[in-house]
Amino acid sequence: MKKFTIGQLAKETGIKVDTIRYYEKFGLIPKPSRQESGYREFTQKHIELINFIKQAKTMDFTLREITEFLALAKKKGGREELLDFADNKMNYLKRAQQSLQGLVNEIHSGRVFPSA
């Protein structure tokens, strides 16, 4: 199995080394094993988790929500809870989209921010 240094992991995922350290400290990614020299050894699993975190953040998940989601994913029998969690977030995002669409419609109609 291929191992990555923190710098290689940052390059592979496109995030900063400090962010990786933060994710590790926050518990979003597991602590990597260490070489005898003390260097961390990250794996493909770390890349996959970080890519999942990046994707979840683009969908407006907070780090706390991502932590909760990952904990449910590890939990035996947590499938239904995961589905509920994802459904709730989807519904939230749909409501947010509807609100934004309403604002866009108001702007186009000139009722909000009319031309000076």
Protein backbone atom coordinates (compact mmCIF):
# COMPACT_ATOMS: atom_id res chain seq x y z
CA MET A 1 0.00 0.00 0.00
CA LYS A 2 1.34 3.39 -1.01
CA LYS A 3 2.21 5.79 1.80
CA PHE A 4 2.21 9.58 1.59
CA THR A 5 3.97 12.27 3.59
CA ILE A 6 1.84 15.18 4.73
CA GLY A 7 3.26 17.28 1.89
CA GLN A 8 2.38 14.63 -0.67
CA LEU A 9 -1.09 14.31 0.83
CA ALA A 10 -1.56 18.07 0.55
CA LYS A 11 -0.52 17.96 -3.10
CA GLU A 12 -2.74 14.95 -3.88
CA THR A 13 -5.83 16.53 -2.28
CA GLY A 14 -5.20 20.17 -3.10
CA ILE A 15 -5.47 21.35 0.50
CA LYS A 16 -2.91 22.96 2.77
CA VAL A 17 -0.74 21.06 5.23
CA ASP A 18 -2.22 23.14 8.07
CA THR A 19 -5.71 22.05 7.03
CA ILE A 20 -4.67 18.39 7.13
CA ARG A 21 -3.27 18.90 10.63
CA TYR A 22 -6.53 20.59 11.64
CA TYR A 23 -8.63 17.73 10.24
CA GLU A 24 -6.48 15.29 12.18
CA LYS A 25 -6.80 17.31 15.39
CA PHE A 26 -10.57 17.74 14.87
CA GLY A 27 -10.89 13.96 14.40
CA LEU A 28 -12.11 14.09 10.80
CA ILE A 29 -9.27 11.89 9.60
CA PRO A 30 -7.59 9.15 11.61
CA LYS A 31 -4.15 9.70 13.02
CA PRO A 32 -1.63 8.24 10.58
CA SER A 33 1.04 5.75 11.51
CA ARG A 34 4.54 7.08 11.92
CA GLN A 35 7.85 6.04 10.46
CA GLU A 36 10.77 5.37 12.79
CA SER A 37 11.97 8.87 11.87
CA GLY A 38 8.69 10.30 13.22
CA TYR A 39 7.26 11.29 9.85
CA ARG A 40 3.56 10.65 9.42
CA GLU A 41 2.53 8.03 6.86
CA PHE A 42 -0.81 8.78 5.26
CA THR A 43 -2.65 6.29 3.05
CA GLN A 44 -5.12 6.27 0.19
CA LYS A 45 -7.88 6.14 2.84
CA HIS A 46 -6.78 9.61 4.04
CA ILE A 47 -7.01 10.92 0.47
CA GLU A 48 -10.51 9.48 0.11
CA LEU A 49 -11.65 10.98 3.42
CA ILE A 50 -10.22 14.39 2.62
CA ASN A 51 -11.85 14.35 -0.81
CA PHE A 52 -15.16 13.43 0.86
CA ILE A 53 -14.73 16.31 3.33
CA LYS A 54 -14.00 18.72 0.47
CA GLN A 55 -17.09 17.56 -1.39
CA ALA A 56 -19.26 17.79 1.73
CA LYS A 57 -18.03 21.34 2.38
CA THR A 58 -19.08 22.37 -1.14
CA MET A 59 -22.57 21.17 -0.21
CA ASP A 60 -22.62 23.50 2.81
CA PHE A 61 -21.90 20.84 5.45
CA THR A 62 -20.10 22.20 8.49
CA LEU A 63 -17.11 20.34 9.91
CA ARG A 64 -19.27 19.38 12.88
CA GLU A 65 -21.89 17.90 10.54
CA ILE A 66 -19.20 16.06 8.59
CA THR A 67 -17.82 14.66 11.85
CA GLU A 68 -21.32 13.50 12.82
CA PHE A 69 -21.88 11.98 9.38
CA LEU A 70 -18.58 10.08 9.50
CA ALA A 71 -19.37 8.83 13.01
CA LEU A 72 -22.73 7.52 11.80
CA ALA A 73 -21.01 5.84 8.86
CA LYS A 74 -18.77 3.93 11.28
CA LYS A 75 -21.63 3.01 13.58
CA LYS A 76 -23.02 -0.48 13.19
CA GLY A 77 -26.60 -0.23 12.03
CA GLY A 78 -26.24 3.51 11.37
CA ARG A 79 -27.49 3.29 7.79
CA GLU A 80 -30.98 4.62 8.57
CA GLU A 81 -29.52 7.46 10.61
CA LEU A 82 -27.18 8.29 7.73
CA LEU A 83 -30.09 8.40 5.33
CA ASP A 84 -32.08 10.64 7.68
CA PHE A 85 -29.07 12.91 8.11
CA ALA A 86 -28.56 13.20 4.33
CA ASP A 87 -32.29 13.70 3.71
CA ASN A 88 -32.44 16.49 6.28
CA LYS A 89 -29.51 18.25 4.66
CA MET A 90 -31.09 17.85 1.22
CA ASN A 91 -34.33 19.38 2.46
CA TYR A 92 -32.41 22.26 4.04
CA LEU A 93 -30.59 22.93 0.78
CA LYS A 94 -33.84 22.79 -1.20
CA ARG A 95 -35.39 25.39 1.12
CA ALA A 96 -32.28 27.55 0.77
CA GLN A 97 -32.48 27.25 -3.02
CA GLN A 98 -36.16 28.28 -2.96
CA SER A 99 -35.35 31.30 -0.80
CA LEU A 100 -32.55 32.37 -3.10
CA GLN A 101 -34.75 31.88 -6.15
CA GLY A 102 -37.35 34.13 -4.52
CA LEU A 103 -34.71 36.79 -3.97
CA VAL A 104 -33.51 36.51 -7.57
CA ASN A 105 -37.10 36.90 -8.77
CA GLU A 106 -37.54 39.99 -6.59
CA ILE A 107 -34.35 41.51 -7.96
CA HIS A 108 -35.39 40.82 -11.57
CA SER A 109 -38.80 42.37 -10.94
CA GLY A 110 -37.20 45.56 -9.62
CA ARG A 111 -38.98 45.30 -6.25
CA VAL A 112 -35.64 44.81 -4.52
CA PHE A 113 -32.75 47.14 -5.36
CA PRO A 114 -34.66 49.17 -7.95
CA SER A 115 -32.54 51.09 -10.44
CA ALA A 116 -31.55 54.54 -9.21
